[in-house]
Protein backbone atom coordinates (compact mmCIF):
# COMPACT_ATOMS: atom_id res chain seq x y z
CA MET A 1 -2.39 -14.39 -4.34
CA THR A 2 -5.79 -13.06 -3.34
CA THR A 3 -7.54 -11.42 -6.30
CA ILE A 4 -9.86 -8.44 -6.54
CA LYS A 5 -12.60 -10.93 -7.40
CA ASP A 6 -11.99 -12.71 -4.08
CA VAL A 7 -12.24 -9.41 -2.20
CA ALA A 8 -15.40 -8.41 -4.05
CA LYS A 9 -17.11 -11.72 -3.28
CA GLU A 10 -16.22 -11.59 0.42
CA ALA A 11 -17.18 -7.91 0.79
CA GLY A 12 -20.42 -8.25 -1.19
CA VAL A 13 -19.67 -5.52 -3.73
CA SER A 14 -18.73 -5.38 -7.42
CA ILE A 15 -15.23 -5.96 -8.74
CA SER A 16 -15.11 -2.41 -10.11
CA THR A 17 -16.07 -0.99 -6.71
CA VAL A 18 -13.25 -2.93 -5.05
CA SER A 19 -10.78 -1.75 -7.68
CA ARG A 20 -11.77 1.87 -7.24
CA ILE A 21 -11.67 1.69 -3.43
CA LEU A 22 -8.25 0.04 -3.42
CA ASN A 23 -6.98 2.79 -5.70
CA PHE A 24 -8.55 5.54 -3.55
CA ASP A 25 -10.71 6.81 -6.42
CA ASP A 26 -12.19 9.99 -4.99
CA THR A 27 -14.89 10.12 -7.70
CA LEU A 28 -16.49 6.96 -6.28
CA SER A 29 -19.62 7.68 -4.26
CA VAL A 30 -19.55 5.08 -1.52
CA GLY A 31 -20.05 5.29 2.25
CA ASP A 32 -17.23 4.95 4.77
CA GLY A 33 -18.82 1.72 6.00
CA THR A 34 -18.50 0.07 2.59
CA ARG A 35 -15.00 1.47 2.12
CA ARG A 36 -13.89 0.12 5.50
CA ARG A 37 -15.45 -3.29 4.81
CA VAL A 38 -13.60 -3.65 1.50
CA LEU A 39 -10.26 -2.54 2.97
CA GLU A 40 -10.64 -4.82 5.98
CA VAL A 41 -11.54 -7.80 3.76
CA ALA A 42 -8.54 -7.12 1.52
CA GLU A 43 -6.23 -7.05 4.54
CA ARG A 44 -7.77 -10.12 6.14
CA LEU A 45 -7.56 -12.23 2.99
CA GLN A 46 -3.85 -11.52 2.57
CA TYR A 47 -3.13 -12.31 6.21
CA LYS A 48 -1.66 -15.79 6.36
CA LYS A 49 -2.36 -16.81 9.95
CA ARG A 50 -5.81 -17.95 10.93
CA THR A 51 -7.33 -18.27 14.35
CA LYS A 52 -8.11 -21.96 14.83
CA HIS A 53 -9.20 -21.89 18.44
CA THR A 54 -11.04 -19.03 20.08
CA PRO A 55 -11.72 -19.62 23.77
CA LYS A 56 -14.49 -17.69 25.44
CA ALA A 57 -13.29 -14.20 26.33
CA SER A 58 -12.41 -13.88 30.00
CA LYS A 59 -11.07 -10.33 29.93
CA GLU A 60 -11.41 -7.17 27.86
CA ILE A 61 -8.75 -4.69 26.80
CA ALA A 62 -9.00 -1.20 25.36
CA VAL A 63 -7.22 -0.52 22.07
CA VAL A 64 -6.68 3.24 22.05
CA GLN A 65 -6.05 4.68 18.60
CA TRP A 66 -4.61 8.10 18.00
CA HIS A 67 -6.31 8.25 14.58
CA SER A 68 -10.02 8.62 13.98
CA ASP A 69 -11.71 5.81 12.04
CA LYS A 70 -11.88 8.07 8.99
CA GLU A 71 -8.16 8.90 9.16
CA GLU A 72 -7.38 5.21 9.54
CA LEU A 73 -8.93 4.53 6.12
CA ASN A 74 -6.33 6.83 4.52
CA ASP A 75 -3.40 5.29 6.40
CA LEU A 76 -3.91 1.53 6.33
CA TYR A 77 -0.79 0.89 8.42
CA TYR A 78 -2.91 1.13 11.56
CA LEU A 79 -5.68 -1.01 10.11
CA GLN A 80 -3.15 -3.82 9.63
CA ILE A 81 -1.93 -3.52 13.21
CA GLN A 82 -5.54 -3.73 14.36
CA TYR A 83 -6.01 -7.02 12.56
CA GLY A 84 -2.98 -8.54 14.26
CA ILE A 85 -4.27 -7.41 17.67
CA GLU A 86 -7.70 -8.92 17.06
CA ASN A 87 -6.31 -12.19 15.76
CA ARG A 88 -3.96 -12.84 18.68
CA ALA A 89 -6.41 -11.56 21.29
CA ALA A 90 -8.96 -14.15 20.21
CA THR A 91 -6.50 -17.01 20.78
CA LEU A 92 -5.83 -15.78 24.32
CA GLY A 93 -9.49 -15.49 25.26
CA THR A 94 -9.42 -11.71 25.22
CA SER A 95 -11.98 -9.36 23.72
CA ILE A 96 -11.09 -5.86 22.59
CA GLU A 97 -12.86 -2.53 22.36
CA ARG A 98 -11.49 0.04 19.93
CA ILE A 99 -11.66 3.65 21.04
CA THR A 100 -9.95 6.83 19.89
CA TYR A 101 -7.89 8.81 22.37
CA GLU A 102 -10.24 11.77 22.10
CA SER A 103 -13.32 9.62 22.86
CA ILE A 104 -12.00 8.03 26.07
CA ASP A 105 -14.65 7.90 28.82
CA LYS A 106 -12.66 7.94 32.06
CA ASN A 107 -15.51 6.38 34.00
CA LYS A 108 -15.58 3.32 31.75
CA MET A 109 -11.84 2.61 31.74
CA LYS A 110 -12.04 0.60 34.96
CA LYS A 111 -13.89 -2.20 33.15
CA PHE A 112 -10.74 -3.03 31.13
CA SER A 113 -7.92 -5.37 32.13
CA GLY A 114 -5.31 -3.48 30.12
CA ILE A 115 -4.61 -0.94 27.37
CA ILE A 116 -2.84 -1.13 24.03
CA ALA A 117 -2.16 2.37 22.66
CA VAL A 118 -1.58 2.46 18.91
CA GLY A 119 0.11 5.50 17.39
CA LYS A 120 2.17 8.50 18.43
CA PHE A 121 1.42 9.96 21.87
CA ASP A 122 2.90 12.96 23.67
CA LYS A 123 3.74 13.31 27.37
CA THR A 124 0.28 14.60 28.30
CA GLU A 125 -1.39 11.65 26.62
CA VAL A 126 1.00 9.04 28.03
CA THR A 127 0.50 10.46 31.53
CA GLU A 128 -3.28 10.24 31.19
CA LEU A 129 -3.15 6.66 29.91
CA GLN A 130 -0.90 5.71 32.83
CA SER A 131 -3.29 7.37 35.31
CA TYR A 132 -5.84 4.57 34.85
CA GLY A 133 -3.46 2.19 36.62
CA LEU A 134 -3.83 -0.56 34.00
CA PRO A 135 -1.14 -2.62 32.26
CA LEU A 136 -0.17 -0.52 29.24
CA ILE A 137 1.59 -1.34 25.97
CA PHE A 138 2.42 1.08 23.14
CA ILE A 139 2.69 0.24 19.45
CA GLY A 140 4.59 2.54 17.12
CA GLU A 141 7.29 4.34 19.10
CA ASN A 142 9.82 3.87 21.90
CA TYR A 143 8.19 4.68 25.26
CA LEU A 144 10.78 3.16 27.58
CA ALA A 145 11.48 6.65 28.94
CA TYR A 146 7.99 6.54 30.46
CA GLY A 147 8.56 3.08 31.92
CA CYS A 148 6.25 1.44 29.38
CA ASP A 149 6.55 -1.68 27.24
CA CYS A 150 6.47 -0.91 23.54
CA VAL A 151 6.65 -2.41 20.06
CA ARG A 152 7.98 -0.63 17.01
CA SER A 153 9.19 -1.45 13.53
CA ASP A 154 12.72 -1.01 12.20
CA PHE A 155 12.44 1.75 9.59
CA GLU A 156 16.10 2.80 9.65
CA THR A 157 17.63 -0.35 8.12
CA PRO A 158 15.32 -0.54 5.07
CA VAL A 159 15.90 3.13 4.23
CA MET A 160 19.65 2.49 3.96
CA LYS A 161 19.06 -0.67 1.95
CA ILE A 162 16.78 1.16 -0.48
CA VAL A 163 19.36 3.91 -1.00
CA ASP A 164 22.03 1.27 -1.68
CA ARG A 165 19.66 -0.55 -4.02
CA PHE A 166 19.03 2.60 -6.08
CA ILE A 167 22.76 3.32 -6.28
CA ASP A 168 23.51 -0.26 -7.36
CA ARG A 169 21.07 0.25 -10.22
CA GLY A 170 22.75 3.46 -11.36
CA ILE A 171 20.33 5.88 -9.67
CA ASP A 172 22.10 8.46 -7.52
CA ASP A 173 19.49 11.24 -7.72
CA ILE A 174 17.10 10.05 -5.03
CA GLY A 175 14.08 11.88 -3.68
CA MET A 176 11.58 11.32 -0.91
CA ILE A 177 7.85 11.88 -0.53
CA ALA A 178 7.32 11.58 3.22
CA GLY A 179 4.50 11.78 5.71
CA LYS A 180 4.46 14.35 8.48
CA GLU A 181 2.50 13.81 11.71
CA GLN A 182 1.79 15.53 15.00
CA THR A 183 0.38 14.43 18.34
CA THR A 184 -3.26 15.05 19.19
CA THR A 185 -3.05 17.02 22.43
CA GLU A 186 0.20 19.01 22.43
CA LYS A 187 0.33 19.24 18.60
CA LEU A 188 3.99 18.26 18.64
CA GLY A 189 5.71 17.20 15.44
CA VAL A 190 6.53 13.49 15.41
CA ARG A 191 10.06 12.49 14.40
CA ASN A 192 9.96 10.44 11.20
CA PRO A 193 12.78 7.83 11.32
CA ARG A 194 12.54 7.30 7.56
CA VAL A 195 13.22 10.97 6.83
CA ALA A 196 15.94 11.26 9.47
CA THR A 197 17.76 8.17 8.16
CA PHE A 198 17.29 9.20 4.53
CA ASN A 199 18.81 12.62 5.19
CA SER A 200 21.77 11.42 7.23
CA TYR A 201 22.63 8.42 5.01
CA LEU A 202 22.54 10.41 1.77
CA LYS A 203 24.67 13.14 3.38
CA GLN A 204 27.24 10.48 4.29
CA LYS A 205 27.35 9.47 0.63
CA GLY A 206 27.47 13.07 -0.64
CA LEU A 207 24.15 12.62 -2.49
CA TYR A 208 21.71 14.59 -0.35
CA ASN A 209 19.68 17.35 -2.03
CA GLU A 210 17.11 19.11 0.14
CA ASP A 211 15.16 20.10 -2.97
CA PHE A 212 14.37 16.41 -3.50
CA VAL A 213 12.51 15.98 -0.17
CA PHE A 214 8.77 16.73 0.05
CA GLN A 215 6.67 16.26 3.18
CA GLY A 216 2.97 16.43 3.96
CA PRO A 217 0.17 14.42 5.58
CA PHE A 218 -0.02 10.69 5.01
CA GLY A 219 -2.63 9.60 2.46
CA PRO A 220 -3.22 9.38 -1.29
CA ASP A 221 -4.32 12.99 -1.80
CA SER A 222 -1.16 14.26 -0.13
CA GLY A 223 0.95 11.89 -2.24
CA TYR A 224 -0.63 13.28 -5.39
CA THR A 225 -0.13 16.89 -4.28
CA LEU A 226 3.49 16.42 -3.22
CA MET A 227 4.53 14.60 -6.39
CA THR A 228 2.79 17.22 -8.51
CA GLN A 229 4.78 19.88 -6.66
CA ALA A 230 7.99 17.94 -7.28
CA ILE A 231 7.24 17.64 -11.01
CA GLN A 232 6.46 21.34 -11.33
CA LYS A 233 9.42 22.48 -9.24
CA LEU A 234 12.10 20.16 -10.62
CA GLY A 235 11.08 19.58 -14.24
CA LYS A 236 13.77 17.59 -16.01
CA LYS A 237 15.76 17.43 -12.76
CA LEU A 238 13.07 15.23 -11.18
CA PRO A 239 14.92 12.38 -9.39
CA HIS A 240 14.98 8.99 -11.07
CA GLY A 241 14.36 7.24 -7.73
CA PHE A 242 11.83 8.09 -5.04
CA MET A 243 11.23 6.64 -1.61
CA ILE A 244 7.58 7.04 -0.57
CA GLY A 245 6.50 7.15 3.08
CA SER A 246 3.55 4.76 2.74
CA ASP A 247 1.67 2.72 0.16
CA SER A 248 -1.38 4.96 0.39
CA MET A 249 0.80 7.98 -0.40
CA ALA A 250 2.31 6.00 -3.28
CA VAL A 251 -1.15 5.55 -4.83
CA GLY A 252 -1.40 9.33 -5.15
CA VAL A 253 2.21 9.59 -6.33
CA LEU A 254 1.51 7.08 -9.12
CA ARG A 255 -1.58 9.01 -10.15
CA ALA A 256 0.42 12.27 -10.39
CA LEU A 257 3.15 10.63 -12.48
CA GLN A 258 0.59 9.02 -14.78
CA HIS A 259 -1.27 12.33 -15.23
CA ASN A 260 2.02 13.88 -16.28
CA LYS A 261 2.87 10.95 -18.58
CA ILE A 262 6.01 10.06 -16.61
CA ASP A 263 6.80 6.37 -16.92
CA VAL A 264 7.18 4.15 -13.85
CA PRO A 265 9.69 2.55 -13.43
CA ASP A 266 11.68 3.49 -16.57
CA ARG A 267 11.81 7.22 -15.79
CA VAL A 268 11.01 7.20 -12.07
CA SER A 269 11.47 4.17 -9.81
CA LEU A 270 9.27 4.07 -6.71
CA ILE A 271 9.69 2.15 -3.47
CA SER A 272 7.18 2.66 -0.67
CA PHE A 273 6.55 1.38 2.84
CA ASN A 274 4.11 -0.91 4.70
CA ASP A 275 2.97 -3.46 2.07
CA VAL A 276 -0.72 -3.12 2.79
CA ALA A 277 -3.11 -4.99 0.47
CA ILE A 278 -3.43 -2.10 -1.99
CA ALA A 279 0.27 -2.40 -2.92
CA LYS A 280 -0.52 -5.49 -5.00
CA TYR A 281 -3.39 -3.90 -6.90
CA THR A 282 -1.85 -0.65 -8.14
CA SER A 283 -0.65 -0.37 -11.70
CA PRO A 284 2.25 -0.95 -11.70
CA ALA A 285 2.24 -3.00 -8.49
CA LEU A 286 4.31 -1.35 -5.77
CA THR A 287 7.76 -2.41 -4.71
CA THR A 288 7.43 -1.81 -0.99
CA VAL A 289 8.92 -2.54 2.40
CA HIS A 290 6.82 -5.14 4.19
CA VAL A 291 6.31 -3.89 7.72
CA HIS A 292 5.15 -6.78 9.87
CA THR A 293 2.27 -4.80 11.30
CA GLU A 294 0.23 -7.90 12.07
CA LEU A 295 3.16 -9.25 14.07
CA MET A 296 3.43 -5.95 15.93
CA GLY A 297 -0.20 -6.30 16.97
CA GLU A 298 0.27 -9.91 18.01
CA ARG A 299 3.42 -9.16 19.99
CA ALA A 300 1.69 -6.27 21.80
CA ILE A 301 -1.08 -8.61 23.00
CA GLU A 302 1.50 -11.12 24.20
CA MET A 303 3.48 -8.42 26.04
CA LEU A 304 0.29 -7.14 27.65
CA ASP A 305 -0.62 -10.64 28.77
CA GLN A 306 2.86 -11.01 30.28
CA ARG A 307 2.61 -7.60 31.96
CA MET A 308 -0.70 -8.64 33.56
CA LYS A 309 0.99 -11.71 35.01
CA GLU A 310 4.19 -9.88 36.05
CA PRO A 311 3.26 -6.27 36.92
CA LYS A 312 6.76 -5.42 38.21
CA LYS A 313 8.84 -6.82 35.36
CA ILE A 314 11.37 -4.55 33.61
CA PRO A 315 9.82 -2.70 30.62
CA GLU A 316 10.81 -3.98 27.19
CA LEU A 317 11.14 -2.52 23.70
CA THR A 318 10.57 -4.98 20.86
CA VAL A 319 11.86 -3.90 17.43
CA ILE A 320 10.56 -5.95 14.49
CA ALA A 321 12.49 -6.27 11.24
CA THR A 322 11.13 -5.53 7.76
CA GLU A 323 11.69 -6.98 4.30
CA LEU A 324 11.57 -5.60 0.75
CA MET A 325 8.85 -6.94 -1.55
CA GLU A 326 10.04 -6.70 -5.16
CA ARG A 327 7.28 -5.76 -7.62
CA GLU A 328 6.91 -3.61 -10.73
CA SER A 329 7.28 0.03 -9.63
CA SER A 330 11.09 -0.01 -9.42
CA LEU A 331 13.97 -1.11 -11.60
């Protein structure tokens, strides 16, 4: 496994700086450029596939992100997808330009051969992206209703498996710390499949308790705040098992539990989502659902390449499975 020392050497910073960045230490005074470099190196070093042949780029595509670069550093899920896009694009002789939705220059869009849109987009945004008349692929949600190819991850199956796993280990009081998102333009709430599946599956089993569900923005600060609220609100009734919406949220959740001297995993077992690089470096290391984000990025490039060759083909939705990575934060 890649070590913090490996990351530090590659990023050109100290081991302690890497450790503090990977644990989202907000007392560390470091620029966003350094923070991004460390996080990108950590992701790249854990990524198994390597580009062996990189033909000269013959076309350029726009990768439209719904998050700003700063927001992306707090939700590394999208950073991982980006790496998969870049890796596969290079093998196909394609260069990419990353832009945020809000920074799109309509006059410059005609230079691109296609668009990959990463994130959660509302009708207004989808319509605008389609107006450029370029092959268009979405990563993150199902956009077949708009006649667009799309790639998403299966979040429903792992939620049910995690619930069953907790129950098998004698934990039937199960809580959730979940992320809540909204679109950029219409400010519409985005359906969270993890929360929806969690609620419905626990109701089926007669174990659902709405007081055990806490939602807020994705990111470590939100994770800390939400778990602190849970501790204060529930006291001794704090669930023994928690599902956390993302690894970055789980970093804050761990910090809140440690500040309150609540043992993980003996008192509270945690299982999070995404399996970004930081999951291996927390203490305890996170049990987490590995979302094949790099594969999502790769598949999107391949689908875009196919769409360029066959403009009239029937739109496709690709759903990619996940797997649970067993570590130290859960029984």
